[in-house]
Amino acid sequence: MRFSSRPKVSVSISLAFFFVCAFSLYGFVGSTNTAHAASAATSTSATTSFKGTLSSAHRVGTVNPAALAKASGHAAYKVMPMRSRPSGGNASPAIGGRPNTVSTSVAAGSLLHNFNGVDAIDNANVNGFDLEPPDEGLGDGNGYVFNIVNDAGAIYRSNGSVVLPAFSINPFFAESSTAFLSDPRTYYDPTTNTWFATVLEIGATNTESHFDVAVNKSGNPTTDWTVYKFDTTDPTGANCPCFGDYPIFGIDKSNIYVSSQEFPISGSGYNGAEIYVISKAQLEAYATSVNVIRFGSLSVDGVLGYHIQPAIEHTSASAEYFLNSLDPNNTFDNRLGVWAMTNRDHVAQGVIPNLSATVISSEAYAMPANAQTPPGVCPCPGAPFNGPLATSGVVTADFDAMQEVQYLNGHLYSSLNTSVNVAGDSGARDGVAWFDVTPVVSGGVISSKSKVVNQGYIASRGLYLMYPHTERTFSGNTVIAFTFGGPGTYLSAGYAVMPSGAKSFSGIRVAGAGVTSDNGFTSTSVFGGVGRWGDYSAGELDPSGNGVWLATQYIPNNGDQFANWGNRVFEVAA
């Protein structure tokens, strides 16, 4: 889910009633022992450094996904409304509006594997409610593919055959059936044969929050996972108790990194991004207590940090790196934040790493527009809908925040959504802005000599591209997955490839063509007519070296009576 400085609201709809309440969610008290404090910052002319605080978190239990029963469900239908990106801070130099780009062709894709993952029907069957949006988590390793979304997961073989059918993620994360969970992710670490999964949770009393980390070091995701809980309440923070929205996963040889955005659980405000550093060795040892370092209230160049994306590091690096976009006024920008965490190898011994940030110039990017796709009809029986009701076909593309980051051989690869003017088109569309950045560390801090070495756009006339996820392969190919749709195109799963040695991406390729309109309940007039989509895509390199696995949302079927989103899971040759 994604939120901003506007008051956070949870919306639940049942067969008998409809209510909107100020974060009336359900939860489990987190078990991190900590007192949070803002990260002190010091600056030079080009670099800002931050100080973190040390605490610990505790193991809470072990869960076997193969033994999970269907949950009873705690509401019939729910959606977490999106709130706009927080605004305020130093604006970028004038860049003249949204960027201009050329149109890219669309053609059928050629894939190693391609199948449907978890969909709205699966979620409703195991949880007893429909929801939007699903978000996206994907991991692959040892012949398994794990797809985890709001609020269900399933495990497949590489050929798409089902190993474990859909299960509720509440018991998977050792949470009660009434706990509110969102933003799940998963990753297989081939260097230690370990699976990780993360999710956020917010308590029923509106006084606590935490994120969960589940660990499986067997290499087989169908066996036992051990769960840890990390407090994000920050009781001494501004307008807190708070929660860490949109937890993002990163990893290197020593630690896992969870970056999130701190919002008050009730009321307005935004306290900036926060980064949690957790000892990988302690997690993989299933230690009773694990060390965690928190950096909070993060900002760069006068702009509160937002979606500071930690890298998935595939090769040795002198630091753990992070990227974020800026755009403090929710309009246009041409700057990126580059972050480095050094002295990070001894978190297990209680040593606090060094975090620093700088700002570099990039191509322009702009807040994306809502995407117009073919309108449809939601059956939506019962109050408050009393359907059938028309669906607008309009879905949100969210923000121009940075998406997932990968580090490989001295480069950072990532992308984001941007509004674009496509040559020959009748109006603005949404495209992908992509970046290849070389970070530089000097004296243990990030240097202003870090720079963008390649960048560009992917767009097509008449189409909106949303929620990109970028992967660079060891052979030098770069692949970006995304959802695309338009006034005459159902929401579909697509990707684009930049071959090794090339400087730009080839045409858009179709992994899964949408088969009908978005008929979800958030697209009806009851919810304002703008449907929820995303909030992100996912992917991971195939550890065997054969390709890259990707997943993104599309419309695979008619769904049930309230939603018809699905997820396409596919592998592109390396």
Protein backbone atom coordinates (compact mmCIF):
# COMPACT_ATOMS: atom_id res chain seq x y z
CA MET A 1 0.00 0.00 0.00
CA ARG A 2 1.11 3.58 -0.50
CA PHE A 3 0.28 6.57 1.63
CA SER A 4 1.15 10.22 1.97
CA SER A 5 0.76 13.05 4.43
CA ARG A 6 -3.03 12.99 4.17
CA PRO A 7 -4.79 11.11 7.01
CA LYS A 8 -4.48 7.36 6.59
CA VAL A 9 -7.80 5.64 6.02
CA SER A 10 -8.80 1.99 5.90
CA VAL A 11 -11.85 1.07 3.90
CA SER A 12 -13.70 -2.16 4.57
CA ILE A 13 -16.84 -3.35 2.85
CA SER A 14 -18.96 -6.26 4.03
CA LEU A 15 -22.05 -7.86 2.60
CA ALA A 16 -24.13 -6.08 5.22
CA PHE A 17 -22.44 -2.74 5.71
CA PHE A 18 -19.90 -0.24 4.50
CA PHE A 19 -17.74 1.94 6.70
CA VAL A 20 -14.74 4.19 6.42
CA CYS A 21 -12.69 4.61 9.56
CA ALA A 22 -9.46 6.34 10.48
CA PHE A 23 -7.15 3.38 10.33
CA SER A 24 -9.42 0.85 11.99
CA LEU A 25 -7.12 -2.09 11.37
CA TYR A 26 -6.20 -5.22 13.22
CA GLY A 27 -2.89 -6.42 14.56
CA PHE A 28 -0.36 -8.14 16.76
CA VAL A 29 2.01 -6.35 19.10
CA GLY A 30 5.51 -6.32 17.63
CA SER A 31 8.37 -7.72 19.66
CA THR A 32 11.28 -5.42 18.91
CA ASN A 33 12.77 -3.85 22.02
CA THR A 34 13.77 -0.37 20.97
CA ALA A 35 13.43 3.35 21.53
CA HIS A 36 13.52 5.13 18.21
CA ALA A 37 15.20 8.44 17.62
CA ALA A 38 15.72 10.61 14.59
CA SER A 39 18.98 9.99 12.78
CA ALA A 40 21.37 12.85 13.38
CA ALA A 41 22.71 14.23 10.11
CA THR A 42 25.92 16.03 9.25
CA SER A 43 26.67 17.62 5.89
CA THR A 44 29.55 18.61 3.69
CA SER A 45 29.14 20.61 0.49
CA ALA A 46 28.09 17.52 -1.45
CA THR A 47 27.37 14.68 1.00
CA THR A 48 25.11 14.19 4.02
CA SER A 49 25.88 11.55 6.66
CA PHE A 50 23.45 9.99 9.14
CA LYS A 51 23.72 8.17 12.47
CA GLY A 52 21.74 5.08 13.35
CA THR A 53 20.56 3.48 16.60
CA LEU A 54 21.02 -0.13 17.75
CA SER A 55 18.27 -2.36 19.13
CA SER A 56 17.19 -5.99 18.88
CA ALA A 57 14.24 -8.07 17.76
CA HIS A 58 13.14 -11.55 18.76
CA ARG A 59 12.10 -14.75 17.08
CA VAL A 60 8.38 -15.39 17.57
CA GLY A 61 7.72 -18.76 15.99
CA THR A 62 7.98 -21.23 13.12
CA VAL A 63 5.38 -21.83 10.41
CA ASN A 64 5.09 -24.53 7.74
CA PRO A 65 3.20 -23.22 4.69
CA ALA A 66 2.28 -26.75 3.63
CA ALA A 67 0.22 -27.07 6.80
CA LEU A 68 -1.67 -23.80 6.52
CA ALA A 69 -5.43 -24.06 6.53
CA LYS A 70 -7.75 -21.58 4.93
CA ALA A 71 -8.28 -18.52 7.11
CA SER A 72 -11.76 -17.62 8.22
CA GLY A 73 -11.46 -14.06 6.93
CA HIS A 74 -11.97 -10.83 8.85
CA ALA A 75 -13.88 -8.67 6.36
CA ALA A 76 -15.69 -9.30 3.13
CA TYR A 77 -13.83 -6.79 0.98
CA LYS A 78 -11.16 -4.19 1.61
CA VAL A 79 -8.98 -1.61 -0.08
CA MET A 80 -6.21 0.58 1.25
CA PRO A 81 -6.77 3.96 -0.45
CA MET A 82 -3.74 5.54 -2.01
CA ARG A 83 -2.72 8.98 -0.79
CA SER A 84 -0.56 11.27 -2.88
CA ARG A 85 3.19 11.45 -2.44
CA PRO A 86 4.30 13.78 0.41
CA SER A 87 5.25 17.23 -0.86
CA GLY A 88 7.64 19.89 0.38
CA GLY A 89 11.33 20.64 0.10
CA ASN A 90 13.79 22.14 -2.32
CA ALA A 91 12.46 22.09 -5.88
CA SER A 92 14.61 20.98 -8.78
CA PRO A 93 15.88 23.42 -11.38
CA ALA A 94 13.27 24.29 -14.01
CA ILE A 95 13.06 21.43 -16.51
CA GLY A 96 10.18 22.58 -18.67
CA GLY A 97 7.56 19.96 -17.84
CA ARG A 98 7.11 16.29 -18.63
CA PRO A 99 9.77 14.65 -20.84
CA ASN A 100 9.33 13.96 -24.55
CA THR A 101 10.08 10.57 -26.07
CA VAL A 102 9.45 8.40 -29.12
CA SER A 103 6.96 5.57 -29.44
CA THR A 104 7.94 1.92 -29.05
CA SER A 105 6.24 -0.93 -30.93
CA VAL A 106 4.34 -3.79 -29.26
CA ALA A 107 4.73 -7.45 -30.21
CA ALA A 108 4.34 -10.95 -28.77
CA GLY A 109 7.03 -12.11 -26.37
CA SER A 110 9.21 -15.23 -26.47
CA LEU A 111 9.63 -16.68 -22.99
CA LEU A 112 11.25 -19.61 -21.21
CA HIS A 113 8.33 -19.99 -18.80
CA ASN A 114 5.00 -18.19 -18.57
CA PHE A 115 2.03 -18.90 -16.29
CA ASN A 116 -0.60 -17.36 -14.03
CA GLY A 117 0.24 -16.67 -10.39
CA VAL A 118 -2.06 -15.77 -7.52
CA ASP A 119 -5.25 -13.93 -8.51
CA ALA A 120 -8.28 -12.29 -6.90
CA ILE A 121 -10.21 -15.56 -6.79
CA ASP A 122 -7.35 -17.29 -4.93
CA ASN A 123 -7.21 -14.49 -2.39
CA ALA A 124 -10.96 -14.52 -1.78
CA ASN A 125 -11.00 -18.30 -1.42
CA VAL A 126 -8.33 -18.39 1.30
CA ASN A 127 -9.13 -15.16 3.13
CA GLY A 128 -12.87 -14.72 2.80
CA PHE A 129 -12.63 -11.23 1.30
CA ASP A 130 -11.70 -9.42 -1.89
CA LEU A 131 -9.13 -6.64 -1.93
CA GLU A 132 -7.37 -4.17 -4.21
CA PRO A 133 -4.54 -3.64 -5.01
CA PRO A 134 -2.62 -6.95 -4.79
CA ASP A 135 1.00 -5.66 -4.76
CA GLU A 136 3.59 -8.19 -5.96
CA GLY A 137 6.23 -10.45 -4.43
CA LEU A 138 8.28 -13.00 -6.37
CA GLY A 139 11.24 -15.22 -5.57
CA ASP A 140 12.82 -18.15 -7.41
CA GLY A 141 15.37 -20.76 -6.48
CA ASN A 142 16.04 -24.51 -6.54
CA GLY A 143 13.28 -25.01 -9.09
CA TYR A 144 10.66 -23.23 -6.96
CA VAL A 145 8.81 -20.00 -7.74
CA PHE A 146 7.11 -18.23 -4.82
CA ASN A 147 4.41 -15.66 -5.66
CA ILE A 148 3.16 -13.67 -2.66
CA VAL A 149 0.65 -10.81 -2.81
CA ASN A 150 -2.00 -9.09 -0.69
CA ASP A 151 -3.05 -11.34 1.04
CA ALA A 152 -2.20 -14.76 -0.35
CA GLY A 153 0.76 -16.79 -1.54
CA ALA A 154 1.37 -19.89 -3.64
CA ILE A 155 4.44 -21.93 -4.58
CA TYR A 156 5.04 -23.33 -8.07
CA ARG A 157 7.59 -25.29 -10.03
CA SER A 158 9.38 -23.47 -12.83
CA ASN A 159 6.98 -24.97 -15.37
CA GLY A 160 4.00 -23.45 -13.56
CA SER A 161 2.78 -26.62 -11.88
CA VAL A 162 1.44 -25.95 -8.40
CA VAL A 163 3.48 -27.25 -5.45
CA LEU A 164 1.47 -25.48 -2.75
CA PRO A 165 -1.88 -23.95 -3.74
CA ALA A 166 -2.90 -20.53 -2.48
CA PHE A 167 -2.72 -19.93 1.27
CA SER A 168 -3.40 -16.92 3.47
CA ILE A 169 -0.28 -14.95 4.38
CA ASN A 170 -1.59 -14.16 7.88
CA PRO A 171 -0.72 -17.55 9.37
CA PHE A 172 2.39 -17.69 7.16
CA PHE A 173 3.74 -14.66 9.05
CA ALA A 174 2.51 -16.02 12.40
CA GLU A 175 -0.20 -13.37 12.56
CA SER A 176 -3.79 -13.81 13.67
CA SER A 177 -6.58 -14.05 11.11
CA THR A 178 -7.68 -10.53 12.11
CA ALA A 179 -4.27 -8.86 11.63
CA PHE A 180 -3.92 -6.31 8.83
CA LEU A 181 -0.98 -7.12 6.53
CA SER A 182 0.22 -5.45 3.32
CA ASP A 183 3.15 -5.00 0.92
CA PRO A 184 4.59 -8.54 0.93
CA ARG A 185 7.90 -9.37 -0.76
CA THR A 186 10.08 -12.45 -1.04
CA TYR A 187 13.62 -13.22 -2.18
CA TYR A 188 15.80 -16.32 -2.52
CA ASP A 189 19.46 -15.73 -1.58
CA PRO A 190 21.55 -18.15 -3.67
CA THR A 191 24.74 -17.34 -1.73
CA THR A 192 23.35 -18.95 1.44
CA ASN A 193 20.48 -21.06 0.04
CA THR A 194 18.01 -19.03 2.14
CA TRP A 195 14.53 -17.69 1.44
CA PHE A 196 13.31 -14.41 2.95
CA ALA A 197 9.86 -12.82 3.05
CA THR A 198 8.68 -9.50 4.51
CA VAL A 199 5.36 -7.77 5.18
CA LEU A 200 4.02 -4.84 7.23
CA GLU A 201 1.47 -5.11 10.05
CA ILE A 202 -0.57 -2.54 11.99
CA GLY A 203 -2.30 -3.23 15.30
CA ALA A 204 -6.01 -3.16 16.09
CA THR A 205 -5.56 -0.59 18.84
CA ASN A 206 -3.89 1.93 16.49
CA THR A 207 -1.03 2.15 18.97
CA GLU A 208 1.60 -0.17 17.48
CA SER A 209 3.02 -1.43 14.20
CA HIS A 210 5.77 -3.72 13.01
CA PHE A 211 7.12 -5.53 9.99
CA ASP A 212 7.67 -9.27 9.82
CA VAL A 213 10.67 -11.09 8.39
CA ALA A 214 10.24 -14.80 7.66
CA VAL A 215 13.35 -16.92 7.03
CA ASN A 216 13.79 -20.39 5.51
CA LYS A 217 17.38 -21.63 5.24
CA SER A 218 16.49 -25.09 3.87
CA GLY A 219 16.34 -23.90 0.25
CA ASN A 220 12.86 -25.44 0.00
CA PRO A 221 10.13 -22.81 0.55
CA THR A 222 7.50 -25.46 1.33
CA THR A 223 9.27 -26.34 4.60
CA ASP A 224 9.44 -24.43 7.90
CA TRP A 225 9.88 -20.64 8.00
CA THR A 226 11.02 -18.84 11.17
CA VAL A 227 9.38 -15.47 11.83
CA TYR A 228 10.80 -12.30 13.42
CA LYS A 229 8.93 -9.09 14.21
CA PHE A 230 10.49 -5.60 14.12
CA ASP A 231 8.75 -2.70 15.82
CA THR A 232 8.03 0.41 13.71
CA THR A 233 5.82 2.29 16.20
CA ASP A 234 8.47 4.95 16.99
CA PRO A 235 6.61 6.25 20.08
CA THR A 236 8.86 9.33 20.41
CA GLY A 237 8.51 10.37 16.75
CA ALA A 238 6.42 13.31 15.55
CA ASN A 239 2.67 12.56 15.66
CA CYS A 240 3.40 8.93 16.49
CA PRO A 241 2.56 6.10 17.17
CA CYS A 242 3.58 5.49 13.57
CA PHE A 243 3.97 2.71 11.04
CA GLY A 244 6.48 1.95 8.30
CA ASP A 245 4.59 1.98 5.02
CA TYR A 246 5.72 0.15 1.89
CA PRO A 247 8.64 -1.87 3.33
CA ILE A 248 11.23 -2.51 0.60
CA PHE A 249 13.72 -5.39 0.71
CA GLY A 250 17.45 -5.22 -0.04
CA ILE A 251 20.31 -7.61 0.64
CA ASP A 252 24.09 -7.94 0.49
CA LYS A 253 26.64 -10.42 1.84
CA SER A 254 26.19 -9.27 5.46
CA ASN A 255 22.68 -7.97 6.04
CA ILE A 256 19.16 -7.56 4.84
CA TYR A 257 17.82 -4.01 4.54
CA VAL A 258 14.21 -2.92 4.97
CA SER A 259 13.42 0.64 3.90
CA SER A 260 10.00 2.11 4.71
CA GLN A 261 8.14 5.42 4.98
CA GLU A 262 7.10 6.63 8.45
CA PHE A 263 3.53 7.92 8.75
CA PRO A 264 1.38 8.47 11.85
CA ILE A 265 -1.09 5.64 12.32
CA SER A 266 -3.82 8.22 12.98
CA GLY A 267 -3.89 11.75 11.65
CA SER A 268 -1.70 13.56 9.17
CA GLY A 269 2.02 14.02 8.75
CA TYR A 270 5.06 12.34 7.28
CA ASN A 271 8.37 11.83 9.08
CA GLY A 272 10.52 10.71 6.17
CA ALA A 273 12.04 7.42 5.15
CA GLU A 274 13.65 4.98 7.54
CA ILE A 275 16.11 2.15 6.94
CA TYR A 276 16.46 -0.97 9.09
CA VAL A 277 19.68 -2.99 8.88
CA ILE A 278 19.42 -6.58 10.13
CA SER A 279 22.23 -9.11 10.49
CA LYS A 280 21.79 -11.80 7.85
CA ALA A 281 23.98 -14.28 9.75
CA GLN A 282 21.82 -14.02 12.87
CA LEU A 283 18.62 -14.51 10.87
CA GLU A 284 20.06 -17.52 9.07
CA ALA A 285 21.17 -19.00 12.40
CA TYR A 286 17.58 -18.63 13.65
CA ALA A 287 18.99 -16.70 16.60
CA THR A 288 16.58 -16.01 19.44
CA SER A 289 17.54 -12.33 19.29
CA VAL A 290 18.91 -10.45 16.28
CA ASN A 291 20.51 -7.02 16.03
CA VAL A 292 18.81 -4.27 14.05
CA ILE A 293 20.09 -0.78 13.26
CA ARG A 294 17.56 1.95 12.48
CA PHE A 295 18.20 5.14 10.52
CA GLY A 296 15.15 7.41 10.70
CA SER A 297 13.85 10.80 9.53
CA LEU A 298 16.02 10.58 6.43
CA SER A 299 16.25 13.47 3.97
CA VAL A 300 18.54 14.59 1.17
CA ASP A 301 19.00 18.03 -0.38
CA GLY A 302 16.24 19.42 1.81
CA VAL A 303 13.72 16.81 0.66
CA LEU A 304 12.34 14.16 3.01
CA GLY A 305 13.38 10.73 1.80
CA TYR A 306 10.70 8.66 0.09
CA HIS A 307 11.02 5.16 -1.32
CA ILE A 308 14.77 4.96 -0.68
CA GLN A 309 15.21 1.68 -2.51
CA PRO A 310 17.93 -0.66 -1.14
CA ALA A 311 19.86 -2.63 -3.73
CA ILE A 312 19.80 -6.36 -4.27
CA GLU A 313 23.57 -6.87 -4.50
CA HIS A 314 24.67 -9.66 -6.84
CA THR A 315 28.41 -8.90 -6.82
CA SER A 316 30.83 -7.65 -4.18
CA ALA A 317 30.60 -3.93 -3.41
CA SER A 318 32.30 -1.47 -1.08
CA ALA A 319 28.88 -0.45 0.29
CA GLU A 320 25.22 -1.30 0.29
CA TYR A 321 23.69 1.22 -2.11
CA PHE A 322 20.28 2.87 -2.33
CA LEU A 323 18.51 5.11 -4.87
CA ASN A 324 15.55 7.45 -4.62
CA SER A 325 13.83 10.05 -6.77
CA LEU A 326 13.05 13.52 -5.37
CA ASP A 327 10.23 15.59 -6.98
CA PRO A 328 9.20 17.34 -3.72
CA ASN A 329 6.32 19.22 -5.37
CA ASN A 330 4.75 16.23 -7.15
CA THR A 331 5.36 17.78 -10.56
CA PHE A 332 8.70 17.25 -12.35
CA ASP A 333 12.31 16.66 -11.37
CA ASN A 334 15.70 15.69 -12.75
CA ARG A 335 17.60 14.58 -9.65
CA LEU A 336 18.31 11.27 -7.95
CA GLY A 337 19.46 10.57 -4.42
CA VAL A 338 22.35 8.09 -4.20
CA TRP A 339 23.02 6.54 -0.79
CA ALA A 340 25.82 4.33 0.53
CA MET A 341 26.07 2.31 3.73
CA THR A 342 29.65 1.40 4.65
CA ASN A 343 31.23 -0.36 7.65
CA ARG A 344 28.26 -2.71 7.49
CA ASP A 345 29.88 -6.10 8.08
CA HIS A 346 29.61 -6.24 11.89
CA VAL A 347 25.97 -5.55 12.71
CA ALA A 348 25.84 -8.94 14.45
CA GLN A 349 28.45 -7.57 16.88
CA GLY A 350 26.48 -4.36 17.45
CA VAL A 351 28.58 -2.11 15.19
CA ILE A 352 26.53 0.70 13.63
CA PRO A 353 27.24 1.23 9.89
CA ASN A 354 27.84 4.60 8.26
CA LEU A 355 25.09 5.98 6.00
CA SER A 356 25.65 8.87 3.60
CA ALA A 357 23.80 10.41 0.66
CA THR A 358 24.37 12.76 -2.25
CA VAL A 359 22.27 14.12 -5.12
CA ILE A 360 23.11 13.70 -8.81
CA SER A 361 21.52 14.96 -12.01
CA SER A 362 19.40 12.71 -14.23
CA GLU A 363 16.96 12.84 -17.11
CA ALA A 364 13.63 14.49 -16.36
CA TYR A 365 10.72 12.56 -14.90
CA ALA A 366 7.20 13.63 -13.92
CA MET A 367 4.23 12.52 -11.85
CA PRO A 368 2.32 9.92 -13.89
CA ALA A 369 -1.32 10.40 -14.83
CA ASN A 370 -4.12 7.98 -14.08
CA ALA A 371 -4.38 5.42 -16.87
CA GLN A 372 -7.54 5.16 -18.99
CA THR A 373 -8.37 1.60 -20.04
CA PRO A 374 -11.64 0.11 -21.36
CA PRO A 375 -14.57 0.60 -18.95
CA GLY A 376 -16.46 -2.41 -17.67
CA VAL A 377 -19.02 -3.64 -15.16
CA CYS A 378 -18.62 -4.88 -11.58
CA PRO A 379 -21.37 -7.30 -10.47
CA CYS A 380 -20.90 -5.85 -6.95
CA PRO A 381 -24.05 -7.30 -5.33
CA GLY A 382 -25.35 -5.98 -2.03
CA ALA A 383 -24.82 -2.77 -0.10
CA PRO A 384 -23.19 -0.34 -0.53
CA PHE A 385 -22.98 -1.12 -4.25
CA ASN A 386 -26.31 -2.72 -5.11
CA GLY A 387 -24.77 -3.54 -8.46
CA PRO A 388 -24.15 -4.18 -11.18
CA LEU A 389 -22.20 -0.93 -11.40
CA ALA A 390 -20.13 0.53 -14.21
CA THR A 391 -16.37 0.59 -13.75
CA SER A 392 -14.52 3.57 -15.17
CA GLY A 393 -11.53 1.72 -16.61
CA VAL A 394 -9.34 4.38 -14.95
CA VAL A 395 -6.57 3.00 -12.74
CA THR A 396 -3.95 4.81 -10.72
CA ALA A 397 -0.29 4.72 -11.72
CA ASP A 398 0.72 6.04 -8.28
CA PHE A 399 3.85 8.24 -8.23
CA ASP A 400 7.22 8.87 -9.83
CA ALA A 401 8.94 7.16 -6.90
CA MET A 402 11.96 4.95 -7.53
CA GLN A 403 11.23 1.26 -7.96
CA GLU A 404 13.42 -1.73 -7.02
CA VAL A 405 17.21 -1.38 -7.36
CA GLN A 406 19.83 -3.93 -8.38
CA TYR A 407 23.61 -3.73 -7.99
CA LEU A 408 25.80 -5.65 -10.44
CA ASN A 409 29.47 -5.14 -11.35
CA GLY A 410 29.72 -1.54 -10.17
CA HIS A 411 26.37 -0.33 -11.52
CA LEU A 412 22.96 0.39 -10.02
CA TYR A 413 19.95 -0.39 -12.23
CA SER A 414 16.44 0.89 -11.60
CA SER A 415 13.39 2.60 -13.11
CA LEU A 416 10.29 4.58 -12.23
CA ASN A 417 6.91 5.65 -13.63
CA THR A 418 6.82 8.98 -15.43
CA SER A 419 4.35 11.02 -17.41
CA VAL A 420 5.62 11.47 -20.98
CA ASN A 421 4.75 13.19 -24.23
CA VAL A 422 4.97 10.46 -26.87
CA ALA A 423 5.71 11.63 -30.39
CA GLY A 424 2.58 11.44 -32.54
CA ASP A 425 0.21 10.82 -29.61
CA SER A 426 -2.90 12.84 -28.86
CA GLY A 427 -2.13 13.40 -25.17
CA ALA A 428 0.19 12.66 -22.28
CA ARG A 429 0.79 9.01 -21.38
CA ASP A 430 2.72 7.13 -18.71
CA GLY A 431 6.03 5.53 -19.54
CA VAL A 432 9.11 4.13 -17.85
CA ALA A 433 12.20 6.20 -17.04
CA TRP A 434 15.20 3.92 -16.51
CA PHE A 435 18.63 4.58 -15.05
CA ASP A 436 22.12 3.05 -15.01
CA VAL A 437 24.12 4.69 -12.20
CA THR A 438 27.75 4.20 -11.17
CA PRO A 439 28.10 4.97 -7.45
CA VAL A 440 31.44 6.15 -6.05
CA VAL A 441 32.52 5.84 -2.42
CA SER A 442 35.45 7.89 -1.15
CA GLY A 443 36.64 7.99 2.45
CA GLY A 444 33.79 5.74 3.54
CA VAL A 445 31.01 8.03 2.22
CA ILE A 446 29.17 8.40 -1.06
CA SER A 447 30.84 10.82 -3.46
CA SER A 448 29.29 13.49 -5.67
CA LYS A 449 31.31 11.84 -8.45
CA SER A 450 28.57 9.21 -8.62
CA LYS A 451 26.73 9.66 -11.90
CA VAL A 452 24.18 8.39 -14.39
CA VAL A 453 26.01 6.66 -17.24
CA ASN A 454 22.96 5.62 -19.27
CA GLN A 455 19.26 6.44 -19.12
CA GLY A 456 16.19 6.66 -21.28
CA TYR A 457 12.47 6.08 -21.63
CA ILE A 458 10.11 3.31 -22.71
CA ALA A 459 6.72 4.44 -24.01
CA SER A 460 4.18 3.73 -26.73
CA ARG A 461 1.44 5.72 -28.41
CA GLY A 462 -1.97 5.07 -26.89
CA LEU A 463 -0.59 3.13 -23.91
CA TYR A 464 0.15 3.69 -20.24
CA LEU A 465 3.07 1.73 -18.77
CA MET A 466 2.95 1.24 -14.99
CA TYR A 467 4.96 -0.23 -12.10
CA PRO A 468 8.28 -1.13 -13.74
CA HIS A 469 10.71 -3.63 -12.24
CA THR A 470 14.28 -3.81 -13.58
CA GLU A 471 16.75 -6.71 -13.69
CA ARG A 472 20.24 -6.80 -15.22
CA THR A 473 21.58 -10.26 -16.06
CA PHE A 474 25.18 -11.44 -15.71
CA SER A 475 25.37 -11.67 -19.50
CA GLY A 476 24.63 -7.94 -19.78
CA ASN A 477 20.98 -7.96 -20.84
CA THR A 478 18.60 -5.61 -19.02
CA VAL A 479 14.93 -6.53 -18.67
CA ILE A 480 12.08 -4.36 -17.36
CA ALA A 481 8.63 -5.76 -16.55
CA PHE A 482 5.49 -3.61 -16.26
CA THR A 483 1.73 -3.51 -16.65
CA PHE A 484 0.43 -1.71 -19.73
CA GLY A 485 -3.00 -0.69 -20.97
CA GLY A 486 -4.82 2.04 -22.83
CA PRO A 487 -8.23 3.22 -23.99
CA GLY A 488 -8.35 0.32 -26.44
CA THR A 489 -6.10 -2.13 -24.57
CA TYR A 490 -7.01 -4.26 -21.56
CA LEU A 491 -4.52 -4.21 -18.69
CA SER A 492 -1.74 -6.59 -19.75
CA ALA A 493 1.64 -7.89 -18.56
CA GLY A 494 4.61 -6.73 -20.60
CA TYR A 495 8.36 -6.39 -20.64
CA ALA A 496 11.17 -4.84 -22.65
CA VAL A 497 14.77 -5.97 -23.20
CA MET A 498 17.96 -4.02 -23.76
CA PRO A 499 20.47 -6.52 -25.19
CA SER A 500 24.04 -6.58 -23.95
CA GLY A 501 26.02 -3.75 -25.52
CA ALA A 502 22.93 -1.79 -26.60
CA LYS A 503 22.11 1.68 -25.31
CA SER A 504 18.31 1.51 -25.50
CA PHE A 505 15.45 -0.95 -25.12
CA SER A 506 13.78 -2.89 -27.88
CA GLY A 507 10.00 -2.85 -28.36
CA ILE A 508 7.41 -3.79 -25.76
CA ARG A 509 6.78 -7.53 -25.57
CA VAL A 510 3.57 -9.12 -24.29
CA ALA A 511 3.86 -11.73 -21.53
CA GLY A 512 0.14 -11.90 -20.78
CA ALA A 513 -2.60 -10.12 -22.72
CA GLY A 514 -5.50 -8.85 -20.65
CA VAL A 515 -8.77 -10.57 -21.57
CA THR A 516 -11.36 -8.09 -20.31
CA SER A 517 -11.90 -4.79 -18.49
CA ASP A 518 -10.82 -4.06 -14.94
CA ASN A 519 -14.08 -4.85 -13.15
CA GLY A 520 -12.78 -4.29 -9.63
CA PHE A 521 -14.91 -2.59 -6.99
CA THR A 522 -12.47 0.31 -6.52
CA SER A 523 -13.22 1.43 -10.09
CA THR A 524 -16.89 2.02 -9.30
CA SER A 525 -18.46 5.35 -8.37
CA VAL A 526 -18.71 4.17 -4.76
CA PHE A 527 -14.93 4.54 -4.54
CA GLY A 528 -14.61 7.60 -6.74
CA GLY A 529 -14.09 5.81 -10.04
CA VAL A 530 -10.29 5.46 -9.96
CA GLY A 531 -9.28 1.84 -9.54
CA ARG A 532 -6.34 0.66 -7.45
CA TRP A 533 -3.56 -1.17 -9.30
CA GLY A 534 -0.03 -2.29 -8.50
CA ASP A 535 1.51 -1.13 -6.21
CA TYR A 536 4.67 -2.68 -7.64
CA SER A 537 5.99 -5.45 -9.86
CA ALA A 538 8.72 -7.92 -8.91
CA GLY A 539 11.52 -10.10 -10.24
CA GLU A 540 14.70 -12.02 -9.49
CA LEU A 541 17.58 -13.46 -11.47
CA ASP A 542 17.37 -17.21 -11.99
CA PRO A 543 20.21 -18.59 -9.81
CA SER A 544 20.84 -21.24 -12.46
CA GLY A 545 21.84 -18.47 -14.87
CA ASN A 546 19.20 -19.36 -17.46
CA GLY A 547 17.17 -16.18 -17.27
CA VAL A 548 15.33 -13.65 -15.14
CA TRP A 549 11.99 -14.25 -13.45
CA LEU A 550 9.42 -11.43 -13.44
CA ALA A 551 5.86 -10.86 -12.27
CA THR A 552 3.35 -8.07 -12.77
CA GLN A 553 -0.41 -7.57 -12.60
CA TYR A 554 -2.86 -7.99 -15.47
CA ILE A 555 -6.48 -9.07 -16.09
CA PRO A 556 -6.51 -12.85 -16.75
CA ASN A 557 -10.22 -13.63 -16.28
CA ASN A 558 -13.61 -12.32 -15.16
CA GLY A 559 -12.67 -12.82 -11.51
CA ASP A 560 -15.38 -13.05 -8.90
CA GLN A 561 -18.13 -10.58 -8.06
CA PHE A 562 -15.82 -7.83 -6.80
CA ALA A 563 -12.36 -8.08 -8.41
CA ASN A 564 -10.60 -9.67 -11.39
CA TRP A 565 -6.91 -8.80 -11.02
CA GLY A 566 -4.30 -11.47 -11.61
CA ASN A 567 -0.54 -11.86 -11.76
CA ARG A 568 1.53 -13.08 -14.70
CA VAL A 569 4.73 -14.91 -13.77
CA PHE A 570 7.29 -15.39 -16.54
CA GLU A 571 10.96 -16.01 -17.28
CA VAL A 572 12.93 -14.13 -19.92
CA ALA A 573 16.08 -15.70 -21.36
CA ALA A 574 19.29 -14.23 -19.96
